[in-house]
Amino acid sequence: AQTVRRDIVPGVRSGGRGVRQDWATLLPVHLK
């Protein structure tokens, strides 16, 4: 989760309100 900003890493807007990078797509995108 830290890699995709969805848990806290120092110096980056991240955590429960973090926004994933464009490349951090979800599983359905891989399956479609």
PDB file of all heavy atoms in Angstrom:
ATOM      1  N   ALA A   1       0.822  -1.213   0.000  1.00  0.00           N
ATOM      2  CA  ALA A   1       0.000   0.000   0.000  1.00  0.00           C
ATOM      3  C   ALA A   1       0.853   1.258   0.000  1.00  0.00           C
ATOM      4  O   ALA A   1       0.462   2.282  -0.571  1.00  0.00           O
ATOM      5  CB  ALA A   1      -0.933  -0.014   1.210  1.00  0.00           C
ATOM      6  N   GLN A   2       2.019   1.216   0.627  1.00  0.00           N
ATOM      7  CA  GLN A   2       2.883   2.404   0.665  1.00  0.00           C
ATOM      8  C   GLN A   2       3.385   2.755  -0.728  1.00  0.00           C
ATOM      9  O   GLN A   2       3.537   3.935  -1.064  1.00  0.00           O
ATOM     10  CB  GLN A   2       4.065   2.160   1.618  1.00  0.00           C
ATOM     11  CG  GLN A   2       3.699   2.101   3.083  1.00  0.00           C
ATOM     12  CD  GLN A   2       3.112   0.760   3.495  1.00  0.00           C
ATOM     13  OE1 GLN A   2       3.046  -0.185   2.703  1.00  0.00           O
ATOM     14  NE2 GLN A   2       2.698   0.663   4.740  1.00  0.00           N
ATOM     15  N   THR A   3       3.649   1.752  -1.542  1.00  0.00           N
ATOM     16  CA  THR A   3       4.138   2.004  -2.895  1.00  0.00           C
ATOM     17  C   THR A   3       3.119   2.795  -3.703  1.00  0.00           C
ATOM     18  O   THR A   3       3.487   3.659  -4.516  1.00  0.00           O
ATOM     19  CB  THR A   3       4.445   0.672  -3.604  1.00  0.00           C
ATOM     20  OG1 THR A   3       5.487  -0.008  -2.893  1.00  0.00           O
ATOM     21  CG2 THR A   3       4.869   0.894  -5.049  1.00  0.00           C
ATOM     22  N   VAL A   4       1.832   2.521  -3.471  1.00  0.00           N
ATOM     23  CA  VAL A   4       0.777   3.176  -4.255  1.00  0.00           C
ATOM     24  C   VAL A   4       0.063   4.259  -3.440  1.00  0.00           C
ATOM     25  O   VAL A   4      -1.075   4.623  -3.732  1.00  0.00           O
ATOM     26  CB  VAL A   4      -0.222   2.140  -4.804  1.00  0.00           C
ATOM     27  CG1 VAL A   4       0.489   1.206  -5.773  1.00  0.00           C
ATOM     28  CG2 VAL A   4      -0.896   1.354  -3.692  1.00  0.00           C
ATOM     29  N   ARG A   5       0.738   4.753  -2.393  1.00  0.00           N
ATOM     30  CA  ARG A   5       0.288   5.920  -1.610  1.00  0.00           C
ATOM     31  C   ARG A   5      -0.958   5.655  -0.776  1.00  0.00           C
ATOM     32  O   ARG A   5      -1.608   6.591  -0.327  1.00  0.00           O
ATOM     33  CB  ARG A   5       0.018   7.117  -2.530  1.00  0.00           C
ATOM     34  CG  ARG A   5       1.175   7.530  -3.399  1.00  0.00           C
ATOM     35  CD  ARG A   5       0.744   8.622  -4.366  1.00  0.00           C
ATOM     36  NE  ARG A   5       1.823   9.028  -5.263  1.00  0.00           N
ATOM     37  CZ  ARG A   5       1.639   9.675  -6.402  1.00  0.00           C
ATOM     38  NH1 ARG A   5       0.397   9.988  -6.778  1.00  0.00           N
ATOM     39  NH2 ARG A   5       2.648  10.017  -7.163  1.00  0.00           N
ATOM     40  N   ARG A   6      -1.286   4.393  -0.538  1.00  0.00           N
ATOM     41  CA  ARG A   6      -2.491   4.090   0.210  1.00  0.00           C
ATOM     42  C   ARG A   6      -2.213   3.697   1.651  1.00  0.00           C
ATOM     43  O   ARG A   6      -3.088   3.202   2.353  1.00  0.00           O
ATOM     44  CB  ARG A   6      -3.296   2.997  -0.510  1.00  0.00           C
ATOM     45  CG  ARG A   6      -3.906   3.467  -1.817  1.00  0.00           C
ATOM     46  CD  ARG A   6      -4.924   4.558  -1.635  1.00  0.00           C
ATOM     47  NE  ARG A   6      -6.068   4.087  -0.855  1.00  0.00           N
ATOM     48  CZ  ARG A   6      -6.965   4.875  -0.276  1.00  0.00           C
ATOM     49  NH1 ARG A   6      -6.854   6.186  -0.355  1.00  0.00           N
ATOM     50  NH2 ARG A   6      -7.968   4.367   0.390  1.00  0.00           N
ATOM     51  N   ASP A   7      -0.979   3.894   2.100  1.00  0.00           N
ATOM     52  CA  ASP A   7      -0.635   3.913   3.514  1.00  0.00           C
ATOM     53  C   ASP A   7       0.535   4.856   3.665  1.00  0.00           C
ATOM     54  O   ASP A   7       1.227   5.171   2.699  1.00  0.00           O
ATOM     55  CB  ASP A   7      -0.317   2.516   4.056  1.00  0.00           C
ATOM     56  CG  ASP A   7      -0.581   2.394   5.553  1.00  0.00           C
ATOM     57  OD1 ASP A   7      -0.864   3.438   6.192  1.00  0.00           O
ATOM     58  OD2 ASP A   7      -0.500   1.287   6.093  1.00  0.00           O
ATOM     59  N   ILE A   8       0.757   5.304   4.880  1.00  0.00           N
ATOM     60  CA  ILE A   8       1.668   6.424   5.115  1.00  0.00           C
ATOM     61  C   ILE A   8       3.114   6.067   4.806  1.00  0.00           C
ATOM     62  O   ILE A   8       3.641   5.047   5.262  1.00  0.00           O
ATOM     63  CB  ILE A   8       1.566   6.890   6.586  1.00  0.00           C
ATOM     64  CG1 ILE A   8       0.173   7.448   6.875  1.00  0.00           C
ATOM     65  CG2 ILE A   8       2.637   7.928   6.899  1.00  0.00           C
ATOM     66  CD1 ILE A   8      -0.164   8.707   6.129  1.00  0.00           C
ATOM     67  N   VAL A   9       3.751   6.916   3.990  1.00  0.00           N
ATOM     68  CA  VAL A   9       5.204   6.942   3.852  1.00  0.00           C
ATOM     69  C   VAL A   9       5.643   8.393   4.045  1.00  0.00           C
ATOM     70  O   VAL A   9       4.982   9.312   3.561  1.00  0.00           O
ATOM     71  CB  VAL A   9       5.685   6.401   2.491  1.00  0.00           C
ATOM     72  CG1 VAL A   9       5.571   4.894   2.432  1.00  0.00           C
ATOM     73  CG2 VAL A   9       4.935   7.042   1.350  1.00  0.00           C
ATOM     74  N   PRO A  10       6.733   8.608   4.776  1.00  0.00           N
ATOM     75  CA  PRO A  10       7.161   9.980   5.071  1.00  0.00           C
ATOM     76  C   PRO A  10       7.448  10.781   3.812  1.00  0.00           C
ATOM     77  O   PRO A  10       8.004  10.281   2.838  1.00  0.00           O
ATOM     78  CB  PRO A  10       8.445   9.773   5.894  1.00  0.00           C
ATOM     79  CG  PRO A  10       8.321   8.395   6.474  1.00  0.00           C
ATOM     80  CD  PRO A  10       7.592   7.597   5.433  1.00  0.00           C
ATOM     81  N   GLY A  11       7.023  12.028   3.821  1.00  0.00           N
ATOM     82  CA  GLY A  11       7.346  12.952   2.747  1.00  0.00           C
ATOM     83  C   GLY A  11       6.463  12.852   1.523  1.00  0.00           C
ATOM     84  O   GLY A  11       6.712  13.534   0.523  1.00  0.00           O
ATOM     85  N   VAL A  12       5.427  12.010   1.570  1.00  0.00           N
ATOM     86  CA  VAL A  12       4.542  11.817   0.416  1.00  0.00           C
ATOM     87  C   VAL A  12       3.099  11.933   0.901  1.00  0.00           C
ATOM     88  O   VAL A  12       2.749  11.442   1.979  1.00  0.00           O
ATOM     89  CB  VAL A  12       4.756  10.430  -0.225  1.00  0.00           C
ATOM     90  CG1 VAL A  12       3.854  10.248  -1.431  1.00  0.00           C
ATOM     91  CG2 VAL A  12       6.221  10.228  -0.597  1.00  0.00           C
ATOM     92  N   ARG A  13       2.256  12.569   0.098  1.00  0.00           N
ATOM     93  CA  ARG A  13       0.833  12.588   0.424  1.00  0.00           C
ATOM     94  C   ARG A  13       0.299  11.169   0.256  1.00  0.00           C
ATOM     95  O   ARG A  13       0.159  10.670  -0.855  1.00  0.00           O
ATOM     96  CB  ARG A  13       0.080  13.555  -0.482  1.00  0.00           C
ATOM     97  CG  ARG A  13      -1.399  13.668  -0.114  1.00  0.00           C
ATOM     98  CD  ARG A  13      -2.165  14.504  -1.118  1.00  0.00           C
ATOM     99  NE  ARG A  13      -3.599  14.488  -0.822  1.00  0.00           N
ATOM    100  CZ  ARG A  13      -4.544  14.934  -1.636  1.00  0.00           C
ATOM    101  NH1 ARG A  13      -4.201  15.462  -2.803  1.00  0.00           N
ATOM    102  NH2 ARG A  13      -5.810  14.876  -1.295  1.00  0.00           N
ATOM    103  N   SER A  14       0.040  10.540   1.360  1.00  0.00           N
ATOM    104  CA  SER A  14      -0.293   9.116   1.323  1.00  0.00           C
ATOM    105  C   SER A  14      -1.143   8.778   2.540  1.00  0.00           C
ATOM    106  O   SER A  14      -1.372   9.594   3.416  1.00  0.00           O
ATOM    107  CB  SER A  14       0.996   8.273   1.329  1.00  0.00           C
ATOM    108  OG  SER A  14       1.835   8.655   2.424  1.00  0.00           O
ATOM    109  N   GLY A  15      -1.631   7.534   2.572  1.00  0.00           N
ATOM    110  CA  GLY A  15      -2.476   7.102   3.681  1.00  0.00           C
ATOM    111  C   GLY A  15      -3.892   6.813   3.205  1.00  0.00           C
ATOM    112  O   GLY A  15      -4.142   6.561   2.016  1.00  0.00           O
ATOM    113  N   GLY A  16      -4.831   6.896   4.132  1.00  0.00           N
ATOM    114  CA  GLY A  16      -6.215   6.580   3.814  1.00  0.00           C
ATOM    115  C   GLY A  16      -6.838   7.481   2.775  1.00  0.00           C
ATOM    116  O   GLY A  16      -7.843   7.114   2.151  1.00  0.00           O
ATOM    117  N   ARG A  17      -6.261   8.670   2.561  1.00  0.00           N
ATOM    118  CA  ARG A  17      -6.760   9.577   1.528  1.00  0.00           C
ATOM    119  C   ARG A  17      -5.769   9.762   0.390  1.00  0.00           C
ATOM    120  O   ARG A  17      -5.910  10.667  -0.431  1.00  0.00           O
ATOM    121  CB  ARG A  17      -7.102  10.935   2.151  1.00  0.00           C
ATOM    122  CG  ARG A  17      -8.224  10.843   3.189  1.00  0.00           C
ATOM    123  CD  ARG A  17      -8.643  12.200   3.698  1.00  0.00           C
ATOM    124  NE  ARG A  17      -9.735  12.082   4.660  1.00  0.00           N
ATOM    125  CZ  ARG A  17     -10.334  13.116   5.257  1.00  0.00           C
ATOM    126  NH1 ARG A  17      -9.951  14.353   4.962  1.00  0.00           N
ATOM    127  NH2 ARG A  17     -11.310  12.920   6.119  1.00  0.00           N
ATOM    128  N   GLY A  18      -4.779   8.894   0.336  1.00  0.00           N
ATOM    129  CA  GLY A  18      -3.801   8.971  -0.738  1.00  0.00           C
ATOM    130  C   GLY A  18      -4.398   8.593  -2.082  1.00  0.00           C
ATOM    131  O   GLY A  18      -5.347   7.809  -2.160  1.00  0.00           O
ATOM    132  N   VAL A  19      -3.859   9.140  -3.147  1.00  0.00           N
ATOM    133  CA  VAL A  19      -4.343   8.888  -4.511  1.00  0.00           C
ATOM    134  C   VAL A  19      -3.281   8.111  -5.264  1.00  0.00           C
ATOM    135  O   VAL A  19      -2.131   8.551  -5.387  1.00  0.00           O
ATOM    136  CB  VAL A  19      -4.667  10.210  -5.241  1.00  0.00           C
ATOM    137  CG1 VAL A  19      -5.100   9.934  -6.676  1.00  0.00           C
ATOM    138  CG2 VAL A  19      -5.739  10.980  -4.479  1.00  0.00           C
ATOM    139  N   ARG A  20      -3.659   6.980  -5.802  1.00  0.00           N
ATOM    140  CA  ARG A  20      -2.730   6.118  -6.524  1.00  0.00           C
ATOM    141  C   ARG A  20      -2.185   6.790  -7.792  1.00  0.00           C
ATOM    142  O   ARG A  20      -2.835   7.629  -8.391  1.00  0.00           O
ATOM    143  CB  ARG A  20      -3.431   4.797  -6.912  1.00  0.00           C
ATOM    144  CG  ARG A  20      -3.725   3.864  -5.765  1.00  0.00           C
ATOM    145  CD  ARG A  20      -4.601   2.703  -6.199  1.00  0.00           C
ATOM    146  NE  ARG A  20      -5.956   3.166  -6.503  1.00  0.00           N
ATOM    147  CZ  ARG A  20      -6.546   3.015  -7.673  1.00  0.00           C
ATOM    148  NH1 ARG A  20      -5.914   2.414  -8.666  1.00  0.00           N
ATOM    149  NH2 ARG A  20      -7.777   3.454  -7.869  1.00  0.00           N
ATOM    150  N   GLN A  21      -1.000   6.336  -8.193  1.00  0.00           N
ATOM    151  CA  GLN A  21      -0.417   6.786  -9.445  1.00  0.00           C
ATOM    152  C   GLN A  21      -1.197   6.193 -10.618  1.00  0.00           C
ATOM    153  O   GLN A  21      -1.929   5.218 -10.481  1.00  0.00           O
ATOM    154  CB  GLN A  21       1.053   6.351  -9.534  1.00  0.00           C
ATOM    155  CG  GLN A  21       1.915   6.798  -8.357  1.00  0.00           C
ATOM    156  CD  GLN A  21       1.961   5.788  -7.218  1.00  0.00           C
ATOM    157  OE1 GLN A  21       0.977   5.112  -6.931  1.00  0.00           O
ATOM    158  NE2 GLN A  21       3.109   5.706  -6.551  1.00  0.00           N
ATOM    159  N   ASP A  22      -1.027   6.771 -11.796  1.00  0.00           N
ATOM    160  CA  ASP A  22      -1.729   6.280 -12.987  1.00  0.00           C
ATOM    161  C   ASP A  22      -1.424   4.812 -13.268  1.00  0.00           C
ATOM    162  O   ASP A  22      -2.274   4.077 -13.775  1.00  0.00           O
ATOM    163  CB  ASP A  22      -1.367   7.124 -14.209  1.00  0.00           C
ATOM    164  CG  ASP A  22      -2.024   8.506 -14.178  1.00  0.00           C
ATOM    165  OD1 ASP A  22      -2.921   8.707 -13.356  1.00  0.00           O
ATOM    166  OD2 ASP A  22      -1.622   9.362 -14.987  1.00  0.00           O
ATOM    167  N   TRP A  23      -0.195   4.384 -12.986  1.00  0.00           N
ATOM    168  CA  TRP A  23       0.176   3.006 -13.292  1.00  0.00           C
ATOM    169  C   TRP A  23      -0.355   2.011 -12.261  1.00  0.00           C
ATOM    170  O   TRP A  23      -0.315   0.796 -12.495  1.00  0.00           O
ATOM    171  CB  TRP A  23       1.699   2.858 -13.418  1.00  0.00           C
ATOM    172  CG  TRP A  23       2.504   3.456 -12.288  1.00  0.00           C
ATOM    173  CD1 TRP A  23       3.142   4.664 -12.288  1.00  0.00           C
ATOM    174  CD2 TRP A  23       2.750   2.869 -11.000  1.00  0.00           C
ATOM    175  NE1 TRP A  23       3.773   4.882 -11.090  1.00  0.00           N
ATOM    176  CE2 TRP A  23       3.551   3.794 -10.278  1.00  0.00           C
ATOM    177  CE3 TRP A  23       2.388   1.679 -10.382  1.00  0.00           C
ATOM    178  CZ2 TRP A  23       3.993   3.553  -8.973  1.00  0.00           C
ATOM    179  CZ3 TRP A  23       2.816   1.426  -9.078  1.00  0.00           C
ATOM    180  CH2 TRP A  23       3.608   2.354  -8.394  1.00  0.00           C
ATOM    181  N   ALA A  24      -0.859   2.489 -11.142  1.00  0.00           N
ATOM    182  CA  ALA A  24      -1.310   1.603 -10.063  1.00  0.00           C
ATOM    183  C   ALA A  24      -2.762   1.187 -10.290  1.00  0.00           C
ATOM    184  O   ALA A  24      -3.674   1.550  -9.544  1.00  0.00           O
ATOM    185  CB  ALA A  24      -1.133   2.284  -8.707  1.00  0.00           C
ATOM    186  N   THR A  25      -2.990   0.447 -11.361  1.00  0.00           N
ATOM    187  CA  THR A  25      -4.334   0.056 -11.750  1.00  0.00           C
ATOM    188  C   THR A  25      -4.822  -1.132 -10.915  1.00  0.00           C
ATOM    189  O   THR A  25      -4.027  -1.871 -10.333  1.00  0.00           O
ATOM    190  CB  THR A  25      -4.365  -0.312 -13.237  1.00  0.00           C
ATOM    191  OG1 THR A  25      -3.295  -1.225 -13.510  1.00  0.00           O
ATOM    192  CG2 THR A  25      -4.194   0.923 -14.087  1.00  0.00           C
ATOM    193  N   LEU A  26      -6.130  -1.306 -10.897  1.00  0.00           N
ATOM    194  CA  LEU A  26      -6.730  -2.377 -10.118  1.00  0.00           C
ATOM    195  C   LEU A  26      -6.897  -3.642 -10.960  1.00  0.00           C
ATOM    196  O   LEU A  26      -6.861  -3.601 -12.189  1.00  0.00           O
ATOM    197  CB  LEU A  26      -8.080  -1.937  -9.563  1.00  0.00           C
ATOM    198  CG  LEU A  26      -8.092  -0.680  -8.683  1.00  0.00           C
ATOM    199  CD1 LEU A  26      -9.468  -0.487  -8.066  1.00  0.00           C
ATOM    200  CD2 LEU A  26      -7.016  -0.725  -7.607  1.00  0.00           C
ATOM    201  N   LEU A  27      -7.122  -4.745 -10.290  1.00  0.00           N
ATOM    202  CA  LEU A  27      -7.188  -6.053 -10.932  1.00  0.00           C
ATOM    203  C   LEU A  27      -8.129  -6.112 -12.137  1.00  0.00           C
ATOM    204  O   LEU A  27      -7.773  -6.721 -13.162  1.00  0.00           O
ATOM    205  CB  LEU A  27      -7.573  -7.100  -9.881  1.00  0.00           C
ATOM    206  CG  LEU A  27      -7.738  -8.539 -10.337  1.00  0.00           C
ATOM    207  CD1 LEU A  27      -6.490  -9.038 -11.065  1.00  0.00           C
ATOM    208  CD2 LEU A  27      -8.057  -9.427  -9.146  1.00  0.00           C
ATOM    209  N   PRO A  28      -9.342  -5.532 -12.095  1.00  0.00           N
ATOM    210  CA  PRO A  28     -10.205  -5.625 -13.283  1.00  0.00           C
ATOM    211  C   PRO A  28      -9.586  -5.046 -14.543  1.00  0.00           C
ATOM    212  O   PRO A  28      -9.892  -5.510 -15.653  1.00  0.00           O
ATOM    213  CB  PRO A  28     -11.451  -4.831 -12.867  1.00  0.00           C
ATOM    214  CG  PRO A  28     -11.494  -4.953 -11.383  1.00  0.00           C
ATOM    215  CD  PRO A  28     -10.058  -4.909 -10.958  1.00  0.00           C
ATOM    216  N   VAL A  29      -8.729  -4.062 -14.398  1.00  0.00           N
ATOM    217  CA  VAL A  29      -8.074  -3.479 -15.570  1.00  0.00           C
ATOM    218  C   VAL A  29      -7.136  -4.499 -16.213  1.00  0.00           C
ATOM    219  O   VAL A  29      -6.984  -4.537 -17.446  1.00  0.00           O
ATOM    220  CB  VAL A  29      -7.318  -2.192 -15.173  1.00  0.00           C
ATOM    221  CG1 VAL A  29      -6.535  -1.634 -16.355  1.00  0.00           C
ATOM    222  CG2 VAL A  29      -8.285  -1.155 -14.632  1.00  0.00           C
ATOM    223  N   HIS A  30      -6.508  -5.329 -15.395  1.00  0.00           N
ATOM    224  CA  HIS A  30      -5.652  -6.386 -15.932  1.00  0.00           C
ATOM    225  C   HIS A  30      -6.477  -7.501 -16.580  1.00  0.00           C
ATOM    226  O   HIS A  30      -6.027  -8.146 -17.524  1.00  0.00           O
ATOM    227  CB  HIS A  30      -4.795  -6.982 -14.812  1.00  0.00           C
ATOM    228  CG  HIS A  30      -3.895  -6.008 -14.132  1.00  0.00           C
ATOM    229  ND1 HIS A  30      -2.711  -5.581 -14.686  1.00  0.00           N
ATOM    230  CD2 HIS A  30      -3.997  -5.377 -12.937  1.00  0.00           C
ATOM    231  CE1 HIS A  30      -2.121  -4.718 -13.859  1.00  0.00           C
ATOM    232  NE2 HIS A  30      -2.890  -4.588 -12.791  1.00  0.00           N
ATOM    233  N   LEU A  31      -7.666  -7.743 -16.061  1.00  0.00           N
ATOM    234  CA  LEU A  31      -8.475  -8.863 -16.538  1.00  0.00           C
ATOM    235  C   LEU A  31      -9.298  -8.536 -17.777  1.00  0.00           C
ATOM    236  O   LEU A  31      -9.629  -9.423 -18.558  1.00  0.00           O
ATOM    237  CB  LEU A  31      -9.411  -9.335 -15.421  1.00  0.00           C
ATOM    238  CG  LEU A  31      -8.738  -9.930 -14.177  1.00  0.00           C
ATOM    239  CD1 LEU A  31      -9.786 -10.281 -13.134  1.00  0.00           C
ATOM    240  CD2 LEU A  31      -7.896 -11.151 -14.536  1.00  0.00           C
ATOM    241  N   LYS A  32      -9.626  -7.280 -17.955  1.00  0.00           N
ATOM    242  CA  LYS A  32     -10.511  -6.914 -19.065  1.00  0.00           C
ATOM    243  C   LYS A  32      -9.945  -7.320 -20.426  1.00  0.00           C
ATOM    244  O   LYS A  32     -10.684  -7.877 -21.263  1.00  0.00           O
ATOM    245  CB  LYS A  32     -10.809  -5.409 -19.028  1.00  0.00           C
ATOM    246  CG  LYS A  32     -11.956  -4.991 -19.942  1.00  0.00           C
ATOM    247  CD  LYS A  32     -12.296  -3.529 -19.774  1.00  0.00           C
ATOM    248  CE  LYS A  32     -12.910  -3.225 -18.421  1.00  0.00           C
ATOM    249  NZ  LYS A  32     -14.286  -3.781 -18.268  1.00  0.00           N
TER     250      LYS A  32
END
